Protein backbone atom coordinates (compact mmCIF):
# COMPACT_ATOMS: atom_id res chain seq x y z
CA UNK A 1 -17.14 8.96 -47.71
CA UNK A 2 -13.85 6.81 -48.04
CA UNK A 3 -12.83 9.53 -45.07
CA UNK A 4 -15.49 8.05 -42.73
CA UNK A 5 -15.15 4.39 -44.56
CA UNK A 6 -10.96 5.02 -43.54
CA UNK A 7 -12.31 6.12 -39.99
CA UNK A 8 -14.14 3.24 -39.44
CA UNK A 9 -11.93 0.66 -39.93
CA UNK A 10 -8.83 2.16 -38.32
CA UNK A 11 -11.92 2.19 -35.08
CA UNK A 12 -12.70 -1.26 -35.44
CA UNK A 13 -8.99 -2.83 -36.06
CA UNK A 14 -8.49 -0.43 -32.15
CA UNK A 15 -11.86 -2.45 -31.07
CA UNK A 16 -10.53 -5.61 -32.63
CA UNK A 17 -7.15 -5.64 -30.60
CA UNK A 18 -8.43 -4.59 -27.48
CA UNK A 19 -10.72 -7.38 -27.77
CA UNK A 20 -8.13 -9.43 -28.65
CA UNK A 21 -6.15 -8.05 -25.44
CA UNK A 22 -3.65 -5.82 -27.22
CA UNK A 23 -2.59 -3.13 -25.32
CA UNK A 24 -0.81 -0.62 -25.70
CA UNK A 25 2.53 -1.24 -26.39
CA UNK A 26 2.36 -5.11 -26.54
CA UNK A 27 3.68 -5.72 -30.30
CA UNK A 28 7.16 -3.76 -29.37
CA UNK A 29 7.23 -5.29 -25.97
CA UNK A 30 6.68 -8.62 -28.28
CA UNK A 31 9.10 -7.35 -30.53
CA UNK A 32 11.76 -6.32 -27.85
CA UNK A 33 11.38 -10.63 -26.48
CA UNK A 34 12.44 -11.61 -29.32
CA UNK A 35 15.00 -10.48 -29.79
CA UNK A 36 16.41 -10.98 -26.55
CA UNK A 37 15.75 -14.96 -27.00
CA UNK A 38 16.87 -13.98 -30.84
CA UNK A 39 20.25 -12.43 -28.20
CA UNK A 40 20.31 -14.73 -26.54
CA UNK A 41 20.45 -17.79 -28.85
CA UNK A 42 23.26 -15.92 -30.91
CA UNK A 43 25.43 -16.29 -27.91
CA UNK A 44 24.88 -19.50 -26.47
CA UNK A 45 24.68 -21.57 -29.90
CA UNK A 46 27.03 -18.90 -31.85
CA UNK A 47 30.45 -18.50 -32.63
CA UNK A 48 32.67 -17.59 -29.68
CA UNK A 49 32.89 -13.53 -29.28
CA UNK A 50 29.99 -12.84 -31.60
CA UNK A 51 28.13 -10.52 -29.48
CA UNK A 52 30.20 -11.20 -25.50
CA UNK A 53 31.06 -14.05 -23.05
CA UNK A 54 29.86 -17.03 -25.13
CA UNK A 55 27.31 -18.75 -22.66
CA UNK A 56 28.45 -21.79 -20.82
CA UNK A 57 26.36 -24.92 -19.87
CA UNK A 58 24.02 -27.89 -21.30
CA UNK A 59 22.84 -28.79 -24.64
CA UNK A 60 18.85 -28.35 -22.69
CA UNK A 61 20.52 -25.30 -20.95
CA UNK A 62 21.47 -23.97 -23.52
CA UNK A 63 18.18 -24.69 -25.17
CA UNK A 64 15.99 -23.03 -22.98
CA UNK A 65 17.94 -20.42 -21.52
CA UNK A 66 17.44 -18.25 -24.21
CA UNK A 67 13.80 -17.97 -23.63
CA UNK A 68 14.11 -17.91 -20.18
CA UNK A 69 15.83 -14.98 -20.33
CA UNK A 70 14.08 -13.01 -22.87
CA UNK A 71 10.50 -13.99 -23.21
CA UNK A 72 9.81 -12.60 -19.81
CA UNK A 73 10.22 -8.99 -21.53
CA UNK A 74 7.29 -9.26 -23.39
CA UNK A 75 4.74 -8.66 -20.49
CA UNK A 76 7.18 -5.65 -18.92
CA UNK A 77 4.96 -3.36 -18.71
CA UNK A 78 1.74 -5.57 -16.99
CA UNK A 79 4.00 -7.60 -14.81
CA UNK A 80 7.41 -5.78 -14.19
CA UNK A 81 8.44 -6.80 -10.63
CA UNK A 82 7.97 -10.94 -12.76
CA UNK A 83 9.48 -10.30 -15.08
CA UNK A 84 13.09 -9.17 -13.34
CA UNK A 85 12.26 -11.92 -10.81
CA UNK A 86 12.45 -14.91 -13.60
CA UNK A 87 15.18 -12.58 -15.84
CA UNK A 88 17.08 -13.62 -12.31
CA UNK A 89 16.00 -16.35 -11.27
CA UNK A 90 17.81 -18.23 -14.97
CA UNK A 91 20.35 -16.29 -14.73
CA UNK A 92 20.89 -17.84 -11.07
CA UNK A 93 20.30 -20.79 -12.21
CA UNK A 94 22.52 -21.27 -15.19
CA UNK A 95 25.67 -19.58 -13.28
CA UNK A 96 24.72 -22.44 -10.34
CA UNK A 97 24.93 -25.10 -12.50
CA UNK A 98 27.44 -23.99 -14.50
CA UNK A 99 29.69 -21.98 -12.26
CA UNK A 100 30.15 -19.75 -15.49
CA UNK A 101 27.95 -16.50 -15.63
CA UNK A 102 28.12 -14.73 -18.75
CA UNK A 103 28.92 -11.47 -19.36
CA UNK A 104 27.66 -10.38 -22.89
CA UNK A 105 26.15 -7.98 -24.54
CA UNK A 106 23.18 -10.03 -24.80
CA UNK A 107 23.19 -10.51 -21.37
CA UNK A 108 22.95 -6.34 -20.37
CA UNK A 109 20.38 -5.45 -22.82
CA UNK A 110 18.06 -7.74 -21.29
CA UNK A 111 18.39 -6.60 -17.76
CA UNK A 112 18.54 -3.40 -18.23
CA UNK A 113 15.31 -3.22 -20.36
CA UNK A 114 13.46 -5.14 -17.17
CA UNK A 115 15.35 -2.94 -14.58
CA UNK A 116 14.16 0.54 -16.83
CA UNK A 117 10.57 -1.34 -16.03
CA UNK A 118 10.65 -2.43 -13.02
CA UNK A 119 11.38 1.40 -11.94
CA UNK A 120 9.56 3.10 -14.44
CA UNK A 121 6.01 0.51 -14.84
CA UNK A 122 6.28 -1.07 -10.84
CA UNK A 123 4.76 0.62 -8.18
CA UNK A 124 7.72 2.16 -5.63
CA UNK A 125 7.35 -0.50 -3.42
CA UNK A 126 7.94 -3.39 -6.38
CA UNK A 127 10.82 -1.27 -7.62
CA UNK A 128 12.47 -1.72 -4.40
CA UNK A 129 11.32 -5.07 -3.81
CA UNK A 130 13.24 -5.58 -7.45
CA UNK A 131 15.98 -4.35 -6.18
CA UNK A 132 15.65 -7.12 -2.79
CA UNK A 133 15.41 -9.62 -5.21
CA UNK A 134 18.64 -8.17 -7.29
CA UNK A 135 20.78 -8.47 -4.03
CA UNK A 136 21.08 -12.59 -3.66
CA UNK A 137 21.41 -12.63 -7.82
CA UNK A 138 24.39 -10.39 -8.69
CA UNK A 139 26.41 -12.87 -6.16
CA UNK A 140 25.63 -15.34 -7.22
CA UNK A 141 26.67 -14.18 -10.52
CA UNK A 142 29.60 -12.47 -9.49
CA UNK A 143 31.00 -15.21 -7.20
CA UNK A 144 30.20 -17.35 -10.56
CA UNK A 145 31.66 -14.95 -12.56
CA UNK A 146 34.28 -16.34 -15.43
CA UNK A 147 35.90 -19.87 -14.41
CA UNK A 148 36.74 -19.11 -10.94
CA UNK A 149 37.83 -22.85 -10.04
CA UNK A 150 35.64 -25.09 -8.27
CA UNK A 151 32.36 -23.46 -8.32
CA UNK A 152 30.76 -20.70 -5.84
CA UNK A 153 31.64 -22.94 -2.71
CA UNK A 154 35.32 -23.39 -3.32
CA UNK A 155 36.76 -19.63 -4.85
CA UNK A 156 39.65 -19.06 -5.75
CA UNK A 157 41.04 -15.21 -4.86
CA UNK A 158 40.49 -13.09 -2.49
CA UNK A 159 37.35 -11.78 -4.08
CA UNK A 160 38.94 -8.09 -5.08
CA UNK A 161 40.61 -9.54 -8.38
CA UNK A 162 39.06 -8.05 -11.88
CA UNK A 163 35.87 -10.74 -12.17
CA UNK A 164 34.80 -8.41 -8.76
CA UNK A 165 35.55 -5.54 -10.71
CA UNK A 166 33.74 -6.47 -13.71
CA UNK A 167 30.39 -7.97 -11.76
CA UNK A 168 30.03 -4.59 -9.67
CA UNK A 169 30.03 -2.70 -12.79
CA UNK A 170 27.97 -4.97 -14.68
CA UNK A 171 25.71 -4.55 -11.56
CA UNK A 172 25.88 -0.74 -11.75
CA UNK A 173 24.66 -0.44 -15.39
CA UNK A 174 21.62 -1.76 -14.77
CA UNK A 175 21.13 0.08 -10.77
CA UNK A 176 21.10 2.86 -14.07
CA UNK A 177 18.67 1.32 -15.34
CA UNK A 178 16.46 1.07 -12.70
CA UNK A 179 17.15 4.79 -11.73
CA UNK A 180 16.50 5.94 -14.95
CA UNK A 181 13.36 4.28 -15.24
CA UNK A 182 12.47 6.25 -11.37
CA UNK A 183 13.01 8.98 -13.25
CA UNK A 184 10.69 8.64 -16.21
CA UNK A 185 7.77 7.03 -13.34
CA UNK A 186 8.20 10.09 -12.16
CA UNK A 187 8.07 12.95 -14.54
CA UNK A 188 5.26 10.10 -15.43
CA UNK A 189 3.29 10.52 -12.36
CA UNK A 190 3.84 14.96 -12.07
CA UNK A 191 2.48 14.95 -15.52
CA UNK A 192 -0.74 12.96 -14.92
CA UNK A 193 -1.35 14.55 -11.59
CA UNK A 194 -1.03 17.75 -13.28
CA UNK A 195 -3.36 17.35 -15.96
CA UNK A 196 -5.80 15.60 -13.61
CA UNK A 197 -5.79 18.83 -11.36
CA UNK A 198 -6.58 20.67 -15.13
CA UNK A 199 -9.47 18.75 -14.99
CA UNK A 200 -10.56 19.35 -12.42
CA UNK A 201 -9.71 22.93 -12.70
CA UNK A 202 -11.75 23.20 -16.37
CA UNK A 203 -14.76 21.10 -14.89
CA UNK A 204 -14.99 23.23 -11.50
CA UNK A 205 -15.16 26.59 -14.61
CA UNK A 206 -17.50 24.91 -15.61
CA UNK A 207 -19.80 24.45 -12.73
CA UNK A 208 -19.42 28.52 -11.75
CA UNK A 209 -19.92 29.56 -15.20
CA UNK A 210 -22.92 27.25 -15.28
CA UNK A 211 -24.30 28.35 -11.97
CA UNK A 212 -23.52 31.61 -12.75
CA UNK A 213 -25.40 31.32 -16.48
CA UNK A 214 -28.33 30.37 -14.27
CA UNK A 215 -28.36 33.45 -11.52
CA UNK A 216 -28.42 35.74 -15.13
CA UNK A 217 -31.56 34.08 -16.30
CA UNK A 218 -33.50 34.41 -13.03
CA UNK A 219 -31.89 38.36 -12.78
CA UNK A 220 -33.18 38.85 -16.14
CA UNK A 221 -36.96 38.22 -15.19
CA UNK A 222 -36.80 40.23 -12.55
CA UNK A 223 -35.04 42.91 -14.31
CA UNK A 224 -38.06 41.87 -16.80
CA UNK A 225 -40.97 42.37 -14.42
CA UNK A 226 -39.28 45.64 -13.01
CA UNK A 227 -38.93 47.27 -15.98
CA UNK A 228 -42.54 46.21 -16.91
CA UNK A 229 -44.22 47.58 -14.54
CA UNK A 230 -41.94 51.33 -15.14
CA UNK A 231 -43.94 51.08 -18.53
CA UNK A 232 -47.39 50.63 -17.15
CA UNK A 233 -47.34 53.08 -14.88
CA UNK A 234 -45.42 55.37 -17.41
CA UNK A 235 -48.96 54.59 -19.95
CA UNK A 236 -51.39 55.27 -17.09
CA UNK A 237 -49.74 58.10 -16.14
CA UNK A 238 -49.92 59.65 -19.80
CA UNK A 239 -53.75 58.35 -19.92
CA UNK A 240 -55.15 60.74 -16.81
CA UNK A 241 -53.07 63.35 -18.04
CA UNK A 242 -51.93 64.59 -14.46
CA UNK A 243 -49.75 61.64 -12.99
CA UNK A 244 -50.26 61.35 -10.68
CA UNK A 245 -47.58 60.97 -7.19
CA UNK A 246 -48.22 58.01 -6.12
CA UNK A 247 -47.64 56.70 -9.37
CA UNK A 248 -44.71 58.44 -10.16
CA UNK A 249 -43.11 56.69 -6.72
CA UNK A 250 -44.37 53.28 -8.04
CA UNK A 251 -41.86 53.97 -11.61
CA UNK A 252 -38.92 56.22 -9.48
CA UNK A 253 -38.85 52.60 -6.77
CA UNK A 254 -39.37 49.83 -10.15
CA UNK A 255 -36.46 52.00 -12.06
CA UNK A 256 -34.01 51.27 -9.43
CA UNK A 257 -34.61 47.80 -8.41
CA UNK A 258 -34.54 47.51 -12.26
CA UNK A 259 -31.23 49.06 -12.40
CA UNK A 260 -29.53 47.62 -9.69
CA UNK A 261 -30.98 44.36 -10.37
CA UNK A 262 -29.15 45.78 -14.66
CA UNK A 263 -25.83 46.09 -12.75
CA UNK A 264 -25.71 42.37 -10.68
CA UNK A 265 -27.04 40.87 -14.51
CA UNK A 266 -24.55 42.96 -16.38
CA UNK A 267 -21.37 40.96 -13.34
CA UNK A 268 -22.73 37.23 -13.73
CA UNK A 269 -22.16 35.51 -17.25
CA UNK A 270 -24.86 34.81 -19.39
CA UNK A 271 -24.69 31.70 -21.92
CA UNK A 272 -26.38 33.77 -25.23
CA UNK A 273 -27.79 30.21 -26.60
CA UNK A 274 -30.14 30.00 -23.52
CA UNK A 275 -33.20 31.30 -23.72
CA UNK A 276 -35.26 32.81 -20.19
CA UNK A 277 -37.83 30.21 -18.89
CA UNK A 278 -41.29 31.09 -18.42
CA UNK A 279 -41.63 29.78 -15.16
CA UNK A 280 -42.06 32.31 -11.88
CA UNK A 281 -38.90 32.54 -10.17
CA UNK A 282 -39.29 30.39 -7.06
CA UNK A 283 -38.58 32.95 -3.35
CA UNK A 284 -38.38 32.91 0.38
CA UNK A 285 -42.77 32.31 0.09
CA UNK A 286 -42.08 29.20 -2.18
CA UNK A 287 -39.76 27.36 1.05
CA UNK A 288 -42.63 25.79 3.07
CA UNK A 289 -43.68 23.91 -0.34
CA UNK A 290 -40.08 22.66 -0.27
CA UNK A 291 -39.88 21.92 3.64
CA UNK A 292 -43.11 19.58 2.56
CA UNK A 293 -41.58 18.29 -0.70
CA UNK A 294 -38.07 17.68 1.58
CA UNK A 295 -40.00 16.59 4.85
CA UNK A 296 -41.99 13.74 1.73
CA UNK A 297 -38.30 12.57 0.76
CA UNK A 298 -37.39 11.71 4.62
CA UNK A 299 -36.29 13.99 5.62
CA UNK A 300 -37.69 16.18 8.36
CA UNK A 301 -36.93 19.74 7.95
CA UNK A 302 -37.72 23.03 10.89
CA UNK A 303 -38.27 25.92 8.80
CA UNK A 304 -37.93 29.73 11.19
CA UNK A 305 -38.14 32.87 8.73
CA UNK A 306 -38.15 35.69 10.68
CA UNK A 307 -37.83 38.26 7.49
CA UNK A 308 -40.85 40.06 5.32
CA UNK A 309 -40.34 37.55 2.01
CA UNK A 310 -42.54 41.06 0.37
CA UNK A 311 -40.17 44.06 0.90
CA UNK A 312 -37.23 41.70 0.06
CA UNK A 313 -36.35 42.58 -3.49
CA UNK A 314 -37.36 39.38 -5.61
CA UNK A 315 -33.60 38.47 -6.82
CA UNK A 316 -32.54 38.41 -2.94
CA UNK A 317 -35.60 36.14 -2.60
CA UNK A 318 -34.46 33.97 -5.28
CA UNK A 319 -30.86 33.48 -4.21
CA UNK A 320 -32.19 32.94 -0.81
CA UNK A 321 -34.72 30.52 -1.78
CA UNK A 322 -31.66 28.26 -4.22
CA UNK A 323 -28.90 28.23 -1.19
CA UNK A 324 -32.17 26.25 1.07
CA UNK A 325 -32.39 24.50 -2.00
CA UNK A 326 -29.10 23.14 -2.57
CA UNK A 327 -27.86 22.59 0.89
CA UNK A 328 -31.35 20.57 2.09
CA UNK A 329 -30.72 18.31 -1.06
CA UNK A 330 -26.77 17.65 -0.13
CA UNK A 331 -28.40 17.09 3.55
CA UNK A 332 -30.82 14.40 1.58
CA UNK A 333 -27.56 13.10 -0.42
CA UNK A 334 -24.94 12.71 1.76
CA UNK A 335 -26.69 12.96 5.51
CA UNK A 336 -27.49 9.52 6.07
CA UNK A 337 -30.16 9.93 8.69
CA UNK A 338 -30.74 13.55 10.05
CA UNK A 339 -32.67 16.03 11.02
CA UNK A 340 -32.69 20.14 9.53
CA UNK A 341 -33.04 23.48 10.36
CA UNK A 342 -33.23 25.99 8.50
CA UNK A 343 -34.06 29.74 10.14
CA UNK A 344 -33.63 32.33 7.73
CA UNK A 345 -33.67 36.12 9.03
CA UNK A 346 -33.40 39.89 8.74
CA UNK A 347 -31.13 42.19 10.77
CA UNK A 348 -30.76 45.93 9.19
CA UNK A 349 -30.11 45.55 5.25
CA UNK A 350 -28.31 41.70 5.51
CA UNK A 351 -30.25 38.61 5.71
CA UNK A 352 -28.41 35.96 7.51
CA UNK A 353 -28.91 32.03 6.04
CA UNK A 354 -28.54 28.98 8.04
CA UNK A 355 -28.88 25.48 7.28
CA UNK A 356 -28.46 22.55 9.86
CA UNK A 357 -28.27 19.48 10.13
CA UNK A 358 -27.62 16.18 12.68
CA UNK A 359 -26.39 13.98 10.35
CA UNK A 360 -23.67 10.47 10.45
CA UNK A 361 -21.28 12.99 8.68
CA UNK A 362 -20.49 15.79 6.75
CA UNK A 363 -22.31 16.24 2.93
CA UNK A 364 -19.54 16.09 0.12
CA UNK A 365 -21.03 19.25 -1.08
CA UNK A 366 -18.26 19.72 -3.81
CA UNK A 367 -20.50 19.37 -7.33
CA UNK A 368 -22.96 17.17 -8.77
CA UNK A 369 -25.33 17.03 -11.28
CA UNK A 370 -28.28 19.26 -10.70
CA UNK A 371 -26.62 21.77 -8.60
CA UNK A 372 -23.58 22.81 -7.95
CA UNK A 373 -22.51 22.44 -4.06
CA UNK A 374 -20.89 25.03 -2.25
CA UNK A 375 -19.01 26.55 -6.15
CA UNK A 376 -22.59 27.38 -6.94
CA UNK A 377 -23.80 29.07 -2.78
CA UNK A 378 -21.03 31.22 -2.97
CA UNK A 379 -21.44 32.33 -6.53
CA UNK A 380 -24.45 33.26 -5.68
CA UNK A 381 -23.23 35.27 -1.99
CA UNK A 382 -20.89 36.64 -3.95
CA UNK A 383 -23.33 38.53 -6.55
CA UNK A 384 -25.48 40.76 -3.93
CA UNK A 385 -21.11 41.19 -2.57
CA UNK A 386 -22.02 38.61 1.09
CA UNK A 387 -20.05 35.49 2.02
CA UNK A 388 -20.32 32.21 2.72
CA UNK A 389 -19.25 29.70 4.75
CA UNK A 390 -19.96 25.65 5.10
CA UNK A 391 -18.35 23.50 7.47
CA UNK A 392 -18.74 20.64 9.43
CA UNK A 393 -20.56 21.01 13.53
CA UNK A 394 -18.27 20.75 16.41
CA UNK A 395 -21.30 18.37 17.79
CA UNK A 396 -21.73 16.47 14.56
CA UNK A 397 -23.58 16.98 11.39
CA UNK A 398 -23.13 20.35 8.92
CA UNK A 399 -23.63 23.78 8.25
CA UNK A 400 -24.34 25.96 5.72
CA UNK A 401 -24.26 29.41 6.39
CA UNK A 402 -24.95 32.44 4.24
CA UNK A 403 -25.57 36.81 4.61
CA UNK A 404 -27.25 38.12 1.21
CA UNK A 405 -26.40 42.47 2.33
CA UNK A 406 -29.84 44.00 0.40
CA UNK A 407 -27.60 47.01 -0.62
CA UNK A 408 -24.51 45.28 -0.98
CA UNK A 409 -22.88 45.80 -5.08
CA UNK A 410 -22.12 42.94 -6.87
CA UNK A 411 -18.85 41.35 -6.59
């Protein structure tokens, strides 16, 4: 009870923080901003040389500058480019007014944090835009560094003295922090892509596993039917006292069919916690009803079946039905106004299934609730050692083609 109450309290605190707009890291950013304000105020009002070059300027500027330089760090993650721009604008303002730019630890710390945040939390385009903002600001800073005579418009020297070298070194340190942030951003982006790919891979594997379990349930019903025929025929033959050749032939045929389907059943995953359904499995004989249902939904369908479903193995018939069902469902959901055609033919020991449409574009047949798109259809074809292909048609629309060998070995 105490653990549950403590967990509820932690969740309520997290919800309260989110409701108050406190995102992760906001408290830390506020602390960084306060530290930046305090260091800048110490440089502006403290004794000379405590943490670097003292900040010069009139009273109002020294009062406002700590806030102008430190406060933007509070939003360095949410608006890094704005933070960067405000800090450089404040520094340029102080340099223009006083003609005596500071070079203290407080300023280096603030600009390094802002530069890192810009590259780490902003897009690459915004990070490069921040460098463009930095160029004129750094120029003003270098020209106004450390008592250069009459100011930025009437400087002394040739621009190659110690003040010039120090200013460039100062800018180089900030640029190094910017590069570190860029590296961190790239690593974070790579990790995010890897996590996303792993999640998509896991979803695909779960979809395939679910479809294989569905196939296993269907094959379970078919195997049970064949074994029931074997048992009934054998019992009848024993009761008659003289087994008839026709009965023995039926027993042999049903037994062979059961063994074939059992091999396929063992080739797919079966989830033990799911029980086989009692509803009879559909087959090619039910495609007419499926086509009527699809027409009722607004999709005209032409159905062409050149194969006797009565003599096809039950597992092949079920899988052919499921492939057609999935393909028509995708056309309904994604193809827009379209006309569909379903053609099923048997050539020798191969059943060919072709579902085409003339919709406005190729349907997104990846995965969706209630079906598993191309992954599930390919899995059904693979059970029989067959193959499935799908893609846009040259004249528009989409086509799904599957080959199911009647004597194919399960894969």
